[in-house]
Amino acid sequence: MRPSSIFKLPCALCMLLLLSSPLTLAQAKVESREDEAVTRVLVVFHSDAGGTWKMAQAIAKGIESVPRVQAVLRQVPGLSEVASLVPVVKVEELSEYDGIALGSPVHFAGSTPQMRSFIDSTLDLWSQRALEGLPATVFMSAGSGAGREAAVQSLWSALASHGMMIVTTGIMGNAEIDKRIPQGVNPFGTVALTGIPGASRPSPGELHVAQLQGQALARTARATQLFRTRSPVAQQTSHSSSNPAAKVSAVDQRIANLGLDLRLPAPAGSYVPFKRVGNLVFINQVASRDGKILHPGTVGAKVSEAQAREATRLAMTNVLAALQQAAEGDLSRIKQVVQLTGFFKTDARFTRHADLMNEASALAIDVFGDEVGRHTRGTVGAISLPLDSAVEIQAVFELYPDVFEDNLG
């Protein structure tokens, strides 16, 4: 992939803001596989007479037109009758989303006092650098439309101060709208001209472009989700927030629930615990802990099948420990478990190798979920294994690509 290809996101401005952030993939925000596969985009708005509320719904519709992207609608404090059932946004939840759309009526070439007050309340997030690298866009509604572009740009200033990426509309949708009536579309963000007589407002064209704008934001959020970083200060704050479980990936949570001890045994020879080739990680491990082999010997003779399953689980746990190191501490970066191969020290008459290997396969699925954890598999009997271990597991995993490093390095 050429270095420029990462920037071919729909109308994404201020990408250099992302480049200025210290980015390590260990800090990348990747949602959990049941929640990990879903990109969540917040649409937060204030609406006086309903125009911005209608635009917010169109933005949300565009967001959800992108597979595995969910739109969440919230309004700023100061309830309006037109959207009375929409929950009020909490400032501290902003950093939990993968993208944000801001919507407001135009007031004197700016946003409403309610929206300005909400933005002012994000000062702590700014000082924590909690929103850096987050894609964002702006939509508005206006009476005559006077000052609408300046109003959009007034919200841009706040987004840029947070270090966010600004997604614009450019000329998207211009070819499809009705040019016989005034339209509020412009290169910066869609604006509904709610005070223009002679047609329903927002117009079908304005709603259409708003949907395209939401779609562009969703695609950008989806593309940047894997490598978006937050500052160490923001991470520390998130871990001490009122809802720390929301900051823990599903993989980490499953590992904790399973009680897995991911201590990596030291290599017993002249080799490394893992080898990464491109996005693939190759690992071999035996049933070793604290320098000793668990249940050494031959399965069916000295080692019972129950003991062999216990050794298999430990060997797979060691595989996961090596994988965690390969993934720079972040197992939510695993795209899929590709292949597991189990080698078992047995005599020639033993035939239940697959039953023993099920212990490793089940653990992979328990940790990564069915979609990511399901894999191809081989099982082999052997007359001898290193260190007299009853089991050795060979594994291949695929990581999500190092999008940032591959395209800038």
Protein backbone atom coordinates (compact mmCIF):
# COMPACT_ATOMS: atom_id res chain seq x y z
CA MET A 1 0.00 0.00 0.00
CA ARG A 2 1.40 3.43 -0.91
CA PRO A 3 1.79 6.00 1.91
CA SER A 4 -0.86 8.20 0.38
CA SER A 5 -3.49 5.48 0.32
CA ILE A 6 -4.28 5.74 4.03
CA PHE A 7 -5.49 9.28 3.45
CA LYS A 8 -8.11 8.35 0.87
CA LEU A 9 -10.87 8.69 3.43
CA PRO A 10 -14.01 10.53 2.33
CA CYS A 11 -13.36 14.28 2.62
CA ALA A 12 -11.22 13.89 5.76
CA LEU A 13 -9.48 17.14 6.70
CA CYS A 14 -6.87 17.80 9.34
CA MET A 15 -5.35 14.31 9.05
CA LEU A 16 -2.08 15.87 10.14
CA LEU A 17 -3.60 16.28 13.57
CA LEU A 18 -3.51 12.50 13.84
CA LEU A 19 0.07 12.37 12.62
CA SER A 20 1.13 14.74 15.38
CA SER A 21 -0.14 12.35 18.06
CA PRO A 22 2.24 9.74 19.52
CA LEU A 23 0.72 6.53 18.21
CA THR A 24 1.37 3.06 19.53
CA LEU A 25 -0.79 0.17 18.53
CA ALA A 26 -0.79 -1.11 22.10
CA GLN A 27 -2.89 1.96 22.92
CA ALA A 28 -5.18 1.57 19.91
CA LYS A 29 -8.84 1.70 20.76
CA VAL A 30 -10.43 -1.42 19.32
CA GLU A 31 -13.86 -2.36 20.56
CA SER A 32 -14.49 -5.91 21.76
CA ARG A 33 -15.30 -8.62 19.21
CA GLU A 34 -18.98 -8.77 20.17
CA ASP A 35 -18.69 -5.05 20.73
CA GLU A 36 -15.32 -4.96 18.97
CA ALA A 37 -16.78 -5.54 15.54
CA VAL A 38 -19.11 -2.55 15.97
CA THR A 39 -17.98 1.03 15.41
CA ARG A 40 -20.07 3.46 17.50
CA VAL A 41 -20.62 7.01 16.29
CA LEU A 42 -22.27 9.67 18.45
CA VAL A 43 -24.68 12.20 16.94
CA VAL A 44 -25.13 14.99 19.49
CA PHE A 45 -27.33 17.98 18.69
CA HIS A 46 -29.44 20.87 19.88
CA SER A 47 -32.71 21.63 18.11
CA ASP A 48 -34.97 24.66 18.55
CA ALA A 49 -37.78 24.03 16.09
CA GLY A 50 -37.03 20.55 14.77
CA GLY A 51 -34.84 21.25 11.75
CA THR A 52 -31.61 20.12 13.38
CA TRP A 53 -33.38 17.09 14.84
CA LYS A 54 -34.45 16.00 11.36
CA MET A 55 -30.92 16.52 10.10
CA ALA A 56 -29.57 14.48 13.02
CA GLN A 57 -31.81 11.59 12.03
CA ALA A 58 -30.56 11.80 8.43
CA ILE A 59 -26.94 11.86 9.63
CA ALA A 60 -27.67 8.79 11.79
CA LYS A 61 -29.29 7.00 8.86
CA GLY A 62 -26.19 7.60 6.77
CA ILE A 63 -23.96 6.36 9.59
CA GLU A 64 -25.87 3.11 9.89
CA SER A 65 -25.76 2.52 6.13
CA VAL A 66 -22.13 1.47 6.66
CA PRO A 67 -21.86 -2.17 7.80
CA ARG A 68 -21.08 -2.70 11.51
CA VAL A 69 -21.41 0.96 12.38
CA GLN A 70 -23.97 2.05 14.98
CA ALA A 71 -25.32 5.58 15.40
CA VAL A 72 -26.15 6.81 18.91
CA LEU A 73 -28.38 9.90 19.16
CA ARG A 74 -27.99 12.29 22.09
CA GLN A 75 -28.98 15.91 22.70
CA VAL A 76 -27.17 18.56 24.69
CA PRO A 77 -28.63 19.65 28.05
CA GLY A 78 -31.69 21.89 27.70
CA LEU A 79 -34.49 19.59 26.55
CA SER A 80 -36.48 20.55 23.48
CA GLU A 81 -40.03 19.44 22.85
CA VAL A 82 -39.20 18.26 19.33
CA ALA A 83 -36.80 15.57 20.60
CA SER A 84 -38.02 15.02 24.13
CA LEU A 85 -37.41 11.26 24.05
CA VAL A 86 -33.74 11.55 23.08
CA PRO A 87 -31.39 11.09 26.08
CA VAL A 88 -29.14 13.93 27.18
CA VAL A 89 -25.45 13.47 26.44
CA LYS A 90 -22.91 13.21 29.25
CA VAL A 91 -19.57 14.89 28.62
CA GLU A 92 -17.59 11.96 30.02
CA GLU A 93 -19.09 9.54 27.48
CA LEU A 94 -17.66 11.36 24.44
CA SER A 95 -14.34 9.50 24.53
CA GLU A 96 -16.15 6.15 24.43
CA TYR A 97 -17.21 6.66 20.79
CA ASP A 98 -15.32 6.17 17.54
CA GLY A 99 -16.66 9.31 15.85
CA ILE A 100 -18.81 12.35 16.70
CA ALA A 101 -21.25 14.47 14.69
CA LEU A 102 -22.25 17.85 16.14
CA GLY A 103 -25.50 19.56 15.10
CA SER A 104 -26.93 22.96 16.04
CA PRO A 105 -29.13 25.74 14.70
CA VAL A 106 -27.24 28.74 13.35
CA HIS A 107 -27.27 31.72 15.75
CA PHE A 108 -25.47 34.87 14.58
CA ALA A 109 -22.99 32.93 12.41
CA GLY A 110 -22.33 30.55 15.29
CA SER A 111 -24.01 27.77 17.24
CA THR A 112 -26.69 28.11 19.90
CA PRO A 113 -25.87 29.00 23.52
CA GLN A 114 -26.83 25.46 24.50
CA MET A 115 -24.29 23.94 22.10
CA ARG A 116 -21.60 26.46 23.07
CA SER A 117 -22.20 25.70 26.75
CA PHE A 118 -21.85 21.98 26.06
CA ILE A 119 -18.60 22.49 24.16
CA ASP A 120 -17.27 24.65 26.99
CA SER A 121 -17.95 21.76 29.36
CA THR A 122 -15.47 19.54 27.46
CA LEU A 123 -12.49 21.43 28.90
CA ASP A 124 -11.41 18.46 31.04
CA LEU A 125 -11.45 16.18 27.99
CA TRP A 126 -9.31 18.75 26.16
CA SER A 127 -6.75 18.87 28.99
CA GLN A 128 -6.65 15.04 28.99
CA ARG A 129 -6.30 14.93 25.19
CA ALA A 130 -9.09 12.36 25.33
CA LEU A 131 -10.56 13.10 21.88
CA GLU A 132 -7.35 13.30 19.85
CA GLY A 133 -7.58 11.50 16.53
CA LEU A 134 -11.36 11.06 16.76
CA PRO A 135 -13.14 11.83 13.45
CA ALA A 136 -15.89 14.46 13.68
CA THR A 137 -18.27 16.37 11.45
CA VAL A 138 -20.68 19.32 11.76
CA PHE A 139 -24.23 19.82 10.47
CA MET A 140 -26.64 22.66 11.16
CA SER A 141 -29.99 24.23 10.37
CA ALA A 142 -30.63 27.89 9.62
CA GLY A 143 -33.46 30.24 8.76
CA SER A 144 -32.26 32.17 5.75
CA GLY A 145 -28.87 30.52 5.78
CA ALA A 146 -26.97 33.73 6.43
CA GLY A 147 -23.64 33.02 8.09
CA ARG A 148 -24.04 29.26 7.81
CA GLU A 149 -20.51 28.51 6.62
CA ALA A 150 -19.02 30.67 9.38
CA ALA A 151 -21.26 28.86 11.87
CA VAL A 152 -19.97 25.45 10.77
CA GLN A 153 -16.40 26.68 10.99
CA SER A 154 -17.02 28.07 14.49
CA LEU A 155 -17.61 24.50 15.65
CA TRP A 156 -14.59 23.36 13.69
CA SER A 157 -12.44 25.51 15.95
CA ALA A 158 -13.48 23.46 18.97
CA LEU A 159 -12.93 20.19 17.12
CA ALA A 160 -9.47 21.26 15.97
CA SER A 161 -8.57 22.36 19.50
CA HIS A 162 -9.34 18.81 20.64
CA GLY A 163 -7.05 17.42 17.91
CA MET A 164 -9.94 15.76 16.11
CA MET A 165 -10.08 14.90 12.40
CA ILE A 166 -12.69 16.96 10.59
CA VAL A 167 -14.80 15.17 7.98
CA THR A 168 -16.33 17.56 5.46
CA THR A 169 -18.93 17.25 2.72
CA GLY A 170 -16.97 18.62 -0.23
CA ILE A 171 -19.24 18.37 -3.26
CA MET A 172 -20.82 15.04 -2.31
CA GLY A 173 -24.41 14.74 -3.47
CA ASN A 174 -24.40 17.96 -5.49
CA ALA A 175 -25.20 16.14 -8.71
CA GLU A 176 -28.37 14.58 -7.24
CA ILE A 177 -30.03 17.55 -5.52
CA ASP A 178 -32.77 19.76 -6.98
CA LYS A 179 -31.01 22.93 -8.09
CA ARG A 180 -34.27 24.76 -8.82
CA ILE A 181 -34.65 25.60 -5.13
CA PRO A 182 -32.16 27.04 -2.64
CA GLN A 183 -30.17 24.31 -0.88
CA GLY A 184 -28.05 24.58 2.23
CA VAL A 185 -25.31 22.25 1.02
CA ASN A 186 -21.77 23.60 1.16
CA PRO A 187 -18.25 22.13 1.27
CA PHE A 188 -17.97 22.35 5.06
CA GLY A 189 -21.09 20.61 6.37
CA THR A 190 -24.75 20.25 5.45
CA VAL A 191 -27.05 23.07 6.58
CA ALA A 192 -30.84 22.96 6.26
CA LEU A 193 -32.39 26.28 5.12
CA THR A 194 -35.47 25.93 7.29
CA GLY A 195 -36.70 29.49 6.72
CA ILE A 196 -36.86 29.34 2.91
CA PRO A 197 -40.50 29.29 1.71
CA GLY A 198 -41.91 27.19 -1.08
CA ALA A 199 -40.66 23.73 -0.09
CA SER A 200 -40.60 21.42 2.90
CA ARG A 201 -37.51 21.82 5.03
CA PRO A 202 -35.08 20.30 5.44
CA SER A 203 -35.36 19.67 1.71
CA PRO A 204 -34.99 16.16 0.29
CA GLY A 205 -31.66 17.29 -1.16
CA GLU A 206 -30.40 18.54 2.19
CA LEU A 207 -31.43 15.30 3.89
CA HIS A 208 -29.77 13.31 1.12
CA VAL A 209 -26.45 15.13 1.54
CA ALA A 210 -26.77 14.78 5.32
CA GLN A 211 -27.02 11.02 4.88
CA LEU A 212 -23.91 11.06 2.69
CA GLN A 213 -22.14 13.15 5.33
CA GLY A 214 -23.06 10.60 8.01
CA GLN A 215 -21.84 7.82 5.74
CA ALA A 216 -18.51 9.61 5.21
CA LEU A 217 -18.08 10.03 8.96
CA ALA A 218 -18.89 6.36 9.56
CA ARG A 219 -16.39 5.18 6.98
CA THR A 220 -13.70 7.39 8.45
CA ALA A 221 -14.49 6.20 11.98
CA ARG A 222 -14.46 2.58 10.83
CA ALA A 223 -11.14 3.00 9.04
CA THR A 224 -9.40 4.78 11.92
CA GLN A 225 -10.87 2.72 14.76
CA LEU A 226 -8.02 0.19 14.75
CA PHE A 227 -5.24 2.67 15.31
CA ARG A 228 -6.77 5.63 17.09
CA THR A 229 -4.79 6.51 20.20
CA ARG A 230 -5.54 8.39 23.35
CA SER A 231 -2.95 10.14 25.48
CA PRO A 232 -1.60 8.40 28.61
CA VAL A 233 -3.43 10.99 30.70
CA ALA A 234 -6.71 10.16 28.98
CA GLN A 235 -6.11 6.44 29.42
CA GLN A 236 -5.39 6.88 33.11
CA THR A 237 -8.57 8.91 33.47
CA SER A 238 -10.64 6.34 31.62
CA HIS A 239 -9.40 3.52 33.86
CA SER A 240 -10.46 5.48 36.93
CA SER A 241 -13.82 6.53 35.49
CA SER A 242 -17.17 5.61 36.95
CA ASN A 243 -17.53 2.83 34.41
CA PRO A 244 -14.10 1.16 34.09
CA ALA A 245 -15.56 -2.03 32.61
CA ALA A 246 -16.53 -0.05 29.52
CA LYS A 247 -12.81 0.61 28.90
CA VAL A 248 -11.78 -3.06 29.03
CA SER A 249 -11.94 -5.05 25.82
CA ALA A 250 -14.06 -8.18 25.72
CA VAL A 251 -10.92 -10.26 25.20
CA ASP A 252 -9.32 -8.89 28.37
CA GLN A 253 -12.56 -9.42 30.25
CA ARG A 254 -12.81 -13.05 29.11
CA ILE A 255 -9.21 -13.71 30.11
CA ALA A 256 -9.93 -12.30 33.55
CA ASN A 257 -13.12 -14.36 33.85
CA LEU A 258 -11.25 -17.53 32.86
CA GLY A 259 -8.54 -16.84 35.42
CA LEU A 260 -5.75 -17.25 32.88
CA ASP A 261 -2.21 -16.52 34.02
CA LEU A 262 -0.45 -15.21 30.92
CA ARG A 263 3.13 -15.52 32.13
CA LEU A 264 5.39 -16.39 29.22
CA PRO A 265 7.92 -19.18 29.92
CA ALA A 266 11.51 -18.42 29.01
CA PRO A 267 12.69 -20.18 25.83
CA ALA A 268 14.42 -23.49 26.55
CA GLY A 269 16.81 -23.10 23.63
CA SER A 270 18.18 -20.77 20.96
CA TYR A 271 14.84 -19.51 19.66
CA VAL A 272 12.29 -16.75 20.20
CA PRO A 273 8.81 -17.29 21.71
CA PHE A 274 7.10 -15.98 18.58
CA LYS A 275 7.89 -14.85 15.07
CA ARG A 276 5.87 -12.30 13.15
CA VAL A 277 5.83 -12.38 9.35
CA GLY A 278 3.66 -9.62 7.94
CA ASN A 279 0.39 -9.83 9.84
CA LEU A 280 0.87 -13.49 10.79
CA VAL A 281 2.28 -14.63 14.14
CA PHE A 282 3.82 -18.10 14.54
CA ILE A 283 4.12 -19.67 18.01
CA ASN A 284 5.16 -23.01 19.52
CA GLN A 285 4.73 -23.84 23.23
CA VAL A 286 4.80 -26.83 25.55
CA ALA A 287 3.16 -27.38 28.93
CA SER A 288 5.77 -25.51 30.96
CA ARG A 289 5.33 -23.32 34.04
CA ASP A 290 8.02 -21.96 36.37
CA GLY A 291 10.70 -24.00 34.62
CA LYS A 292 8.89 -27.33 35.04
CA ILE A 293 6.81 -29.46 32.68
CA LEU A 294 3.28 -30.15 33.85
CA HIS A 295 2.48 -33.90 33.75
CA PRO A 296 5.50 -35.07 31.73
CA GLY A 297 5.48 -38.46 30.05
CA THR A 298 3.40 -40.52 27.66
CA VAL A 299 -0.37 -40.12 27.44
CA GLY A 300 -2.08 -43.40 28.20
CA ALA A 301 0.84 -44.68 30.24
CA LYS A 302 2.29 -42.32 32.84
CA VAL A 303 -0.09 -39.48 31.93
CA SER A 304 -3.87 -39.88 32.15
CA GLU A 305 -6.19 -38.25 29.63
CA ALA A 306 -7.43 -35.85 32.29
CA GLN A 307 -3.84 -34.81 33.01
CA ALA A 308 -3.15 -34.51 29.26
CA ARG A 309 -6.11 -32.13 28.90
CA GLU A 310 -4.76 -30.07 31.79
CA ALA A 311 -1.33 -29.96 30.12
CA THR A 312 -2.97 -28.99 26.81
CA ARG A 313 -4.74 -26.09 28.47
CA LEU A 314 -1.46 -24.88 29.98
CA ALA A 315 0.35 -25.18 26.64
CA MET A 316 -2.43 -23.14 24.98
CA THR A 317 -2.24 -20.60 27.80
CA ASN A 318 1.48 -20.25 27.07
CA VAL A 319 0.63 -19.73 23.40
CA LEU A 320 -1.70 -16.89 24.42
CA ALA A 321 1.03 -15.39 26.60
CA ALA A 322 3.41 -15.34 23.64
CA LEU A 323 0.66 -13.93 21.44
CA GLN A 324 0.00 -11.14 23.93
CA GLN A 325 3.65 -10.15 23.69
CA ALA A 326 3.53 -10.28 19.89
CA ALA A 327 0.46 -8.02 19.94
CA GLU A 328 2.24 -5.49 22.18
CA GLY A 329 -0.01 -6.33 25.10
CA ASP A 330 -3.30 -5.88 23.24
CA LEU A 331 -5.01 -9.17 22.35
CA SER A 332 -7.98 -7.29 20.87
CA ARG A 333 -5.67 -6.76 17.87
CA ILE A 334 -6.12 -10.41 16.88
CA LYS A 335 -8.10 -10.64 13.66
CA GLN A 336 -8.40 -14.42 13.64
CA VAL A 337 -6.99 -17.66 14.98
CA VAL A 338 -5.80 -19.28 11.76
CA GLN A 339 -4.42 -22.70 12.66
CA LEU A 340 -3.74 -24.82 15.74
CA THR A 341 -1.68 -28.00 15.59
CA GLY A 342 -1.36 -30.28 18.58
CA PHE A 343 1.45 -32.81 19.04
CA PHE A 344 0.84 -35.45 21.72
CA LYS A 345 3.31 -37.95 23.12
CA THR A 346 1.39 -41.21 22.94
CA ASP A 347 1.94 -44.86 22.19
CA ALA A 348 1.00 -46.32 18.81
CA ARG A 349 -2.40 -47.56 20.01
CA PHE A 350 -3.72 -44.19 21.25
CA THR A 351 -6.40 -42.67 18.97
CA ARG A 352 -8.13 -39.93 20.99
CA HIS A 353 -5.75 -37.11 20.08
CA ALA A 354 -8.60 -34.94 18.81
CA ASP A 355 -10.41 -35.15 22.17
CA LEU A 356 -7.31 -33.85 23.91
CA MET A 357 -6.83 -31.06 21.39
CA ASN A 358 -10.40 -29.89 21.92
CA GLU A 359 -9.15 -28.36 25.17
CA ALA A 360 -6.95 -25.91 23.22
CA SER A 361 -9.59 -25.19 20.60
CA ALA A 362 -12.22 -24.48 23.24
CA LEU A 363 -9.87 -22.09 25.04
CA ALA A 364 -9.19 -20.17 21.81
CA ILE A 365 -12.92 -19.74 21.26
CA ASP A 366 -13.56 -18.88 24.91
CA VAL A 367 -10.97 -16.08 24.70
CA PHE A 368 -11.63 -14.65 21.23
CA GLY A 369 -15.25 -15.58 20.58
CA ASP A 370 -16.58 -17.89 17.89
CA GLU A 371 -16.04 -15.61 14.90
CA VAL A 372 -12.37 -14.87 15.61
CA GLY A 373 -11.48 -18.01 17.56
CA ARG A 374 -12.76 -20.67 15.16
CA HIS A 375 -9.78 -22.15 13.30
CA THR A 376 -8.41 -25.00 11.20
CA ARG A 377 -6.62 -27.71 13.14
CA GLY A 378 -4.21 -30.58 12.97
CA THR A 379 -3.52 -33.23 15.62
CA VAL A 380 -0.50 -35.53 15.57
CA GLY A 381 0.77 -38.38 17.72
CA ALA A 382 4.49 -38.46 18.50
CA ILE A 383 6.81 -40.94 20.19
CA SER A 384 8.81 -38.14 21.83
CA LEU A 385 8.46 -34.40 22.51
CA PRO A 386 10.88 -31.78 23.88
CA LEU A 387 11.46 -31.80 27.65
CA ASP A 388 9.28 -34.93 27.90
CA SER A 389 6.19 -32.74 27.60
CA ALA A 390 3.01 -34.67 26.91
CA VAL A 391 1.85 -31.95 24.49
CA GLU A 392 3.22 -29.26 22.22
CA ILE A 393 1.01 -26.72 20.43
CA GLN A 394 1.90 -24.90 17.25
CA ALA A 395 -0.29 -21.89 16.42
CA VAL A 396 -0.75 -19.32 13.68
CA PHE A 397 -2.65 -16.07 14.27
CA GLU A 398 -3.48 -13.09 12.08
CA LEU A 399 -3.22 -9.57 13.49
CA TYR A 400 -5.05 -6.57 12.21
CA PRO A 401 -2.56 -4.74 9.98
CA ASP A 402 -0.36 -2.02 11.38
CA VAL A 403 -2.25 0.48 9.21
CA PHE A 404 -0.40 3.53 10.49
CA GLU A 405 3.11 2.06 10.59
CA ASP A 406 2.84 0.17 7.29
CA ASN A 407 1.81 3.28 5.39
CA LEU A 408 4.16 5.78 7.02
CA GLY A 409 7.22 3.65 7.60
